[in-house]
């Protein structure tokens, strides 16, 4: 399990995420790999949000039926 702490203003939230891996690695190496993965994710989302103004888009998809 990986615990993440997020501080926004005076509000602190702590989340736990369960990750599955077949690697037999030490805690520090595993933590480094998790941080590296999320830094890539965050950078990509920043690119979409800032460069392509994805968050400003008001286009919404209305799907009917079952979720896929």
PDB file of N, CA and C in Angstrom:
ATOM      1  N   UNK A   1       0.832  -1.168   0.000  1.00  0.00           N
ATOM      2  CA  UNK A   1       0.000   0.000   0.000  1.00  0.00           C
ATOM      3  C   UNK A   1       0.882   1.237   0.000  1.00  0.00           C
ATOM      4  N   UNK A   2       0.468   2.226  -0.775  1.00  0.00           N
ATOM      5  CA  UNK A   2       1.183   3.496  -0.839  1.00  0.00           C
ATOM      6  C   UNK A   2       0.272   4.557  -0.243  1.00  0.00           C
ATOM      7  N   UNK A   3       0.784   5.296   0.742  1.00  0.00           N
ATOM      8  CA  UNK A   3       0.033   6.408   1.324  1.00  0.00           C
ATOM      9  C   UNK A   3       0.505   7.694   0.686  1.00  0.00           C
ATOM     10  N   UNK A   4      -0.462   8.550   0.318  1.00  0.00           N
ATOM     11  CA  UNK A   4      -0.093   9.849  -0.228  1.00  0.00           C
ATOM     12  C   UNK A   4      -0.787  10.928   0.607  1.00  0.00           C
ATOM     13  N   UNK A   5      -0.047  11.979   0.895  1.00  0.00           N
ATOM     14  CA  UNK A   5      -0.564  13.099   1.672  1.00  0.00           C
ATOM     15  C   UNK A   5      -0.644  14.311   0.761  1.00  0.00           C
ATOM     16  N   UNK A   6      -1.781  14.988   0.799  1.00  0.00           N
ATOM     17  CA  UNK A   6      -1.994  16.162  -0.044  1.00  0.00           C
ATOM     18  C   UNK A   6      -2.432  17.315   0.846  1.00  0.00           C
ATOM     19  N   UNK A   7      -1.750  18.447   0.706  1.00  0.00           N
ATOM     20  CA  UNK A   7      -2.074  19.637   1.489  1.00  0.00           C
ATOM     21  C   UNK A   7      -2.512  20.748   0.556  1.00  0.00           C
ATOM     22  N   UNK A   8      -3.747  21.217   0.739  1.00  0.00           N
ATOM     23  CA  UNK A   8      -4.251  22.354  -0.015  1.00  0.00           C
ATOM     24  C   UNK A   8      -4.789  23.341   1.014  1.00  0.00           C
ATOM     25  N   UNK A   9      -4.081  24.458   1.157  1.00  0.00           N
ATOM     26  CA  UNK A   9      -4.445  25.420   2.188  1.00  0.00           C
ATOM     27  C   UNK A   9      -4.294  24.777   3.557  1.00  0.00           C
ATOM     28  N   UNK A  10      -5.363  24.811   4.332  1.00  0.00           N
ATOM     29  CA  UNK A  10      -5.346  24.205   5.669  1.00  0.00           C
ATOM     30  C   UNK A  10      -5.851  22.770   5.671  1.00  0.00           C
ATOM     31  N   UNK A  11      -6.307  22.293   4.534  1.00  0.00           N
ATOM     32  CA  UNK A  11      -6.893  20.956   4.450  1.00  0.00           C
ATOM     33  C   UNK A  11      -5.831  19.920   4.073  1.00  0.00           C
ATOM     34  N   UNK A  12      -5.755  18.868   4.860  1.00  0.00           N
ATOM     35  CA  UNK A  12      -4.818  17.776   4.609  1.00  0.00           C
ATOM     36  C   UNK A  12      -5.625  16.503   4.387  1.00  0.00           C
ATOM     37  N   UNK A  13      -5.348  15.825   3.271  1.00  0.00           N
ATOM     38  CA  UNK A  13      -5.999  14.540   3.015  1.00  0.00           C
ATOM     39  C   UNK A  13      -4.927  13.474   2.832  1.00  0.00           C
ATOM     40  N   UNK A  14      -5.226  12.301   3.345  1.00  0.00           N
ATOM     41  CA  UNK A  14      -4.310  11.165   3.213  1.00  0.00           C
ATOM     42  C   UNK A  14      -5.077  10.046   2.519  1.00  0.00           C
ATOM     43  N   UNK A  15      -4.532   9.579   1.412  1.00  0.00           N
ATOM     44  CA  UNK A  15      -5.141   8.503   0.641  1.00  0.00           C
ATOM     45  C   UNK A  15      -4.228   7.289   0.653  1.00  0.00           C
ATOM     46  N   UNK A  16      -4.834   6.123   0.552  1.00  0.00           N
ATOM     47  CA  UNK A  16      -4.076   4.886   0.432  1.00  0.00           C
ATOM     48  C   UNK A  16      -4.388   4.228  -0.894  1.00  0.00           C
ATOM     49  N   UNK A  17      -3.360   3.774  -1.579  1.00  0.00           N
ATOM     50  CA  UNK A  17      -3.537   3.082  -2.853  1.00  0.00           C
ATOM     51  C   UNK A  17      -2.838   1.727  -2.767  1.00  0.00           C
ATOM     52  N   UNK A  18      -3.523   0.721  -3.241  1.00  0.00           N
ATOM     53  CA  UNK A  18      -2.930  -0.611  -3.282  1.00  0.00           C
ATOM     54  C   UNK A  18      -2.406  -0.861  -4.685  1.00  0.00           C
ATOM     55  N   UNK A  19      -1.161  -1.221  -4.787  1.00  0.00           N
ATOM     56  CA  UNK A  19      -0.520  -1.474  -6.069  1.00  0.00           C
ATOM     57  C   UNK A  19      -0.037  -2.916  -6.101  1.00  0.00           C
ATOM     58  N   UNK A  20      -0.138  -3.515  -7.252  1.00  0.00           N
ATOM     59  CA  UNK A  20       0.270  -4.911  -7.415  1.00  0.00           C
ATOM     60  C   UNK A  20       1.479  -4.966  -8.329  1.00  0.00           C
ATOM     61  N   UNK A  21       2.468  -5.716  -7.913  1.00  0.00           N
ATOM     62  CA  UNK A  21       3.670  -5.867  -8.719  1.00  0.00           C
ATOM     63  C   UNK A  21       4.278  -7.237  -8.461  1.00  0.00           C
ATOM     64  N   UNK A  22       4.886  -7.784  -9.478  1.00  0.00           N
ATOM     65  CA  UNK A  22       5.581  -9.060  -9.320  1.00  0.00           C
ATOM     66  C   UNK A  22       7.052  -8.834  -8.971  1.00  0.00           C
ATOM     67  N   UNK A  23       7.462  -7.578  -8.908  1.00  0.00           N
ATOM     68  CA  UNK A  23       8.852  -7.275  -8.591  1.00  0.00           C
ATOM     69  C   UNK A  23       9.160  -7.562  -7.139  1.00  0.00           C
ATOM     70  N   UNK A  24      10.316  -8.048  -6.895  1.00  0.00           N
ATOM     71  CA  UNK A  24      10.784  -8.273  -5.537  1.00  0.00           C
ATOM     72  C   UNK A  24      11.855  -7.217  -5.267  1.00  0.00           C
ATOM     73  N   UNK A  25      11.406  -6.034  -4.871  1.00  0.00           N
ATOM     74  CA  UNK A  25      12.325  -4.910  -4.698  1.00  0.00           C
ATOM     75  C   UNK A  25      12.213  -4.342  -3.292  1.00  0.00           C
ATOM     76  N   UNK A  26      13.185  -3.535  -2.937  1.00  0.00           N
ATOM     77  CA  UNK A  26      13.189  -2.877  -1.635  1.00  0.00           C
ATOM     78  C   UNK A  26      12.177  -1.729  -1.630  1.00  0.00           C
ATOM     79  N   UNK A  27      11.750  -1.339  -0.439  1.00  0.00           N
ATOM     80  CA  UNK A  27      10.753  -0.279  -0.291  1.00  0.00           C
ATOM     81  C   UNK A  27      11.159   1.015  -0.982  1.00  0.00           C
ATOM     82  N   UNK A  28      12.394   1.430  -0.816  1.00  0.00           N
ATOM     83  CA  UNK A  28      12.831   2.700  -1.405  1.00  0.00           C
ATOM     84  C   UNK A  28      12.793   2.669  -2.928  1.00  0.00           C
ATOM     85  N   UNK A  29      13.179   1.565  -3.511  1.00  0.00           N
ATOM     86  CA  UNK A  29      13.157   1.430  -4.967  1.00  0.00           C
ATOM     87  C   UNK A  29      11.719   1.437  -5.476  1.00  0.00           C
ATOM     88  N   UNK A  30      10.848   0.741  -4.759  1.00  0.00           N
ATOM     89  CA  UNK A  30       9.437   0.712  -5.136  1.00  0.00           C
ATOM     90  C   UNK A  30       8.823   2.107  -5.026  1.00  0.00           C
ATOM     91  N   UNK A  31       9.118   2.822  -3.952  1.00  0.00           N
ATOM     92  CA  UNK A  31       8.604   4.180  -3.760  1.00  0.00           C
ATOM     93  C   UNK A  31       9.093   5.105  -4.868  1.00  0.00           C
ATOM     94  N   UNK A  32      10.337   4.949  -5.264  1.00  0.00           N
ATOM     95  CA  UNK A  32      10.896   5.771  -6.335  1.00  0.00           C
ATOM     96  C   UNK A  32      10.164   5.495  -7.649  1.00  0.00           C
ATOM     97  N   UNK A  33       9.876   4.230  -7.930  1.00  0.00           N
ATOM     98  CA  UNK A  33       9.169   3.866  -9.156  1.00  0.00           C
ATOM     99  C   UNK A  33       7.749   4.441  -9.154  1.00  0.00           C
ATOM    100  N   UNK A  34       7.077   4.401  -8.007  1.00  0.00           N
ATOM    101  CA  UNK A  34       5.720   4.946  -7.903  1.00  0.00           C
ATOM    102  C   UNK A  34       5.741   6.447  -8.117  1.00  0.00           C
ATOM    103  N   UNK A  35       6.670   7.155  -7.477  1.00  0.00           N
ATOM    104  CA  UNK A  35       6.767   8.607  -7.650  1.00  0.00           C
ATOM    105  C   UNK A  35       7.080   8.975  -9.097  1.00  0.00           C
ATOM    106  N   UNK A  36       7.947   8.206  -9.729  1.00  0.00           N
ATOM    107  CA  UNK A  36       8.294   8.481 -11.125  1.00  0.00           C
ATOM    108  C   UNK A  36       7.077   8.303 -12.025  1.00  0.00           C
ATOM    109  N   UNK A  37       6.312   7.237 -11.787  1.00  0.00           N
ATOM    110  CA  UNK A  37       5.102   6.995 -12.577  1.00  0.00           C
ATOM    111  C   UNK A  37       4.135   8.170 -12.438  1.00  0.00           C
ATOM    112  N   UNK A  38       3.876   8.613 -11.208  1.00  0.00           N
ATOM    113  CA  UNK A  38       2.903   9.686 -10.999  1.00  0.00           C
ATOM    114  C   UNK A  38       3.426  11.024 -11.490  1.00  0.00           C
ATOM    115  N   UNK A  39       4.726  11.238 -11.488  1.00  0.00           N
ATOM    116  CA  UNK A  39       5.241  12.499 -12.026  1.00  0.00           C
ATOM    117  C   UNK A  39       4.990  12.563 -13.529  1.00  0.00           C
ATOM    118  N   UNK A  40       5.130  11.427 -14.211  1.00  0.00           N
ATOM    119  CA  UNK A  40       4.838  11.377 -15.651  1.00  0.00           C
ATOM    120  C   UNK A  40       3.343  11.631 -15.874  1.00  0.00           C
ATOM    121  N   UNK A  41       2.490  10.988 -15.093  1.00  0.00           N
ATOM    122  CA  UNK A  41       1.041  11.193 -15.209  1.00  0.00           C
ATOM    123  C   UNK A  41       0.689  12.666 -15.018  1.00  0.00           C
ATOM    124  N   UNK A  42       1.222  13.276 -13.973  1.00  0.00           N
ATOM    125  CA  UNK A  42       0.903  14.672 -13.679  1.00  0.00           C
ATOM    126  C   UNK A  42       1.403  15.612 -14.759  1.00  0.00           C
ATOM    127  N   UNK A  43       2.587  15.341 -15.303  1.00  0.00           N
ATOM    128  CA  UNK A  43       3.108  16.181 -16.378  1.00  0.00           C
ATOM    129  C   UNK A  43       2.229  16.095 -17.619  1.00  0.00           C
ATOM    130  N   UNK A  44       1.740  14.910 -17.934  1.00  0.00           N
ATOM    131  CA  UNK A  44       0.876  14.739 -19.101  1.00  0.00           C
ATOM    132  C   UNK A  44      -0.439  15.480 -18.900  1.00  0.00           C
ATOM    133  N   UNK A  45      -1.015  15.380 -17.706  1.00  0.00           N
ATOM    134  CA  UNK A  45      -2.265  16.079 -17.443  1.00  0.00           C
ATOM    135  C   UNK A  45      -2.063  17.587 -17.486  1.00  0.00           C
ATOM    136  N   UNK A  46      -0.931  18.059 -17.006  1.00  0.00           N
ATOM    137  CA  UNK A  46      -0.629  19.484 -17.056  1.00  0.00           C
ATOM    138  C   UNK A  46      -0.564  19.933 -18.512  1.00  0.00           C
ATOM    139  N   UNK A  47       0.085  19.139 -19.350  1.00  0.00           N
ATOM    140  CA  UNK A  47       0.188  19.469 -20.776  1.00  0.00           C
ATOM    141  C   UNK A  47      -1.200  19.581 -21.403  1.00  0.00           C
ATOM    142  N   UNK A  48      -2.065  18.617 -21.118  1.00  0.00           N
ATOM    143  CA  UNK A  48      -3.423  18.653 -21.673  1.00  0.00           C
ATOM    144  C   UNK A  48      -4.205  19.850 -21.138  1.00  0.00           C
ATOM    145  N   UNK A  49      -4.054  20.122 -19.849  1.00  0.00           N
ATOM    146  CA  UNK A  49      -4.811  21.209 -19.237  1.00  0.00           C
ATOM    147  C   UNK A  49      -4.336  22.579 -19.714  1.00  0.00           C
ATOM    148  N   UNK A  50      -3.038  22.775 -19.784  1.00  0.00           N
ATOM    149  CA  UNK A  50      -2.497  24.093 -20.112  1.00  0.00           C
ATOM    150  C   UNK A  50      -2.371  24.299 -21.615  1.00  0.00           C
ATOM    151  N   UNK A  51      -1.721  23.405 -22.290  1.00  0.00           N
ATOM    152  CA  UNK A  51      -1.484  23.588 -23.729  1.00  0.00           C
ATOM    153  C   UNK A  51      -2.747  23.448 -24.564  1.00  0.00           C
ATOM    154  N   UNK A  52      -3.549  22.450 -24.240  1.00  0.00           N
ATOM    155  CA  UNK A  52      -4.747  22.191 -25.034  1.00  0.00           C
ATOM    156  C   UNK A  52      -6.018  22.711 -24.368  1.00  0.00           C
ATOM    157  N   UNK A  53      -5.873  23.343 -23.196  1.00  0.00           N
ATOM    158  CA  UNK A  53      -6.991  23.926 -22.448  1.00  0.00           C
ATOM    159  C   UNK A  53      -8.125  22.919 -22.270  1.00  0.00           C
ATOM    160  N   UNK A  54      -7.755  21.679 -21.958  1.00  0.00           N
ATOM    161  CA  UNK A  54      -8.731  20.614 -21.833  1.00  0.00           C
ATOM    162  C   UNK A  54      -9.745  20.898 -20.725  1.00  0.00           C
ATOM    163  N   UNK A  55      -9.318  21.483 -19.619  1.00  0.00           N
ATOM    164  CA  UNK A  55     -10.242  21.769 -18.521  1.00  0.00           C
ATOM    165  C   UNK A  55     -11.257  22.842 -18.881  1.00  0.00           C
ATOM    166  N   UNK A  56     -10.923  23.701 -19.843  1.00  0.00           N
ATOM    167  CA  UNK A  56     -11.842  24.764 -20.253  1.00  0.00           C
ATOM    168  C   UNK A  56     -12.937  24.262 -21.185  1.00  0.00           C
ATOM    169  N   UNK A  57     -12.771  23.076 -21.722  1.00  0.00           N
ATOM    170  CA  UNK A  57     -13.739  22.538 -22.670  1.00  0.00           C
ATOM    171  C   UNK A  57     -15.064  22.253 -21.960  1.00  0.00           C
ATOM    172  N   UNK A  58     -16.144  22.701 -22.562  1.00  0.00           N
ATOM    173  CA  UNK A  58     -17.482  22.449 -22.016  1.00  0.00           C
ATOM    174  C   UNK A  58     -18.184  21.348 -22.797  1.00  0.00           C
ATOM    175  N   UNK A  59     -17.469  20.694 -23.683  1.00  0.00           N
ATOM    176  CA  UNK A  59     -18.044  19.595 -24.459  1.00  0.00           C
ATOM    177  C   UNK A  59     -18.190  18.397 -23.537  1.00  0.00           C
ATOM    178  N   UNK A  60     -19.363  17.853 -23.480  1.00  0.00           N
ATOM    179  CA  UNK A  60     -19.614  16.705 -22.625  1.00  0.00           C
ATOM    180  C   UNK A  60     -20.241  15.595 -23.451  1.00  0.00           C
ATOM    181  N   UNK A  61     -19.912  14.381 -23.109  1.00  0.00           N
ATOM    182  CA  UNK A  61     -20.474  13.230 -23.802  1.00  0.00           C
ATOM    183  C   UNK A  61     -21.584  12.644 -22.939  1.00  0.00           C
ATOM    184  N   UNK A  62     -22.763  12.475 -23.522  1.00  0.00           N
ATOM    185  CA  UNK A  62     -23.873  11.845 -22.806  1.00  0.00           C
ATOM    186  C   UNK A  62     -24.049  10.454 -23.381  1.00  0.00           C
ATOM    187  N   UNK A  63     -23.689   9.462 -22.565  1.00  0.00           N
ATOM    188  CA  UNK A  63     -23.832   8.085 -23.022  1.00  0.00           C
ATOM    189  C   UNK A  63     -25.076   7.491 -22.431  1.00  0.00           C
ATOM    190  N   UNK A  64     -25.770   6.750 -23.250  1.00  0.00           N
ATOM    191  CA  UNK A  64     -26.963   6.052 -22.768  1.00  0.00           C
ATOM    192  C   UNK A  64     -26.639   4.575 -22.701  1.00  0.00           C
ATOM    193  N   UNK A  65     -27.266   3.921 -21.763  1.00  0.00           N
ATOM    194  CA  UNK A  65     -27.035   2.493 -21.626  1.00  0.00           C
ATOM    195  C   UNK A  65     -25.972   2.191 -20.597  1.00  0.00           C
ATOM    196  N   UNK A  66     -25.382   1.042 -20.749  1.00  0.00           N
ATOM    197  CA  UNK A  66     -24.388   0.583 -19.779  1.00  0.00           C
ATOM    198  C   UNK A  66     -23.073   1.297 -19.952  1.00  0.00           C
ATOM    199  N   UNK A  67     -22.384   1.472 -18.863  1.00  0.00           N
ATOM    200  CA  UNK A  67     -21.036   2.039 -18.915  1.00  0.00           C
ATOM    201  C   UNK A  67     -20.087   0.967 -19.440  1.00  0.00           C
ATOM    202  N   UNK A  68     -19.135   1.400 -20.198  1.00  0.00           N
ATOM    203  CA  UNK A  68     -18.164   0.471 -20.772  1.00  0.00           C
ATOM    204  C   UNK A  68     -16.876   0.581 -20.005  1.00  0.00           C
TER     205      UNK A  68
END
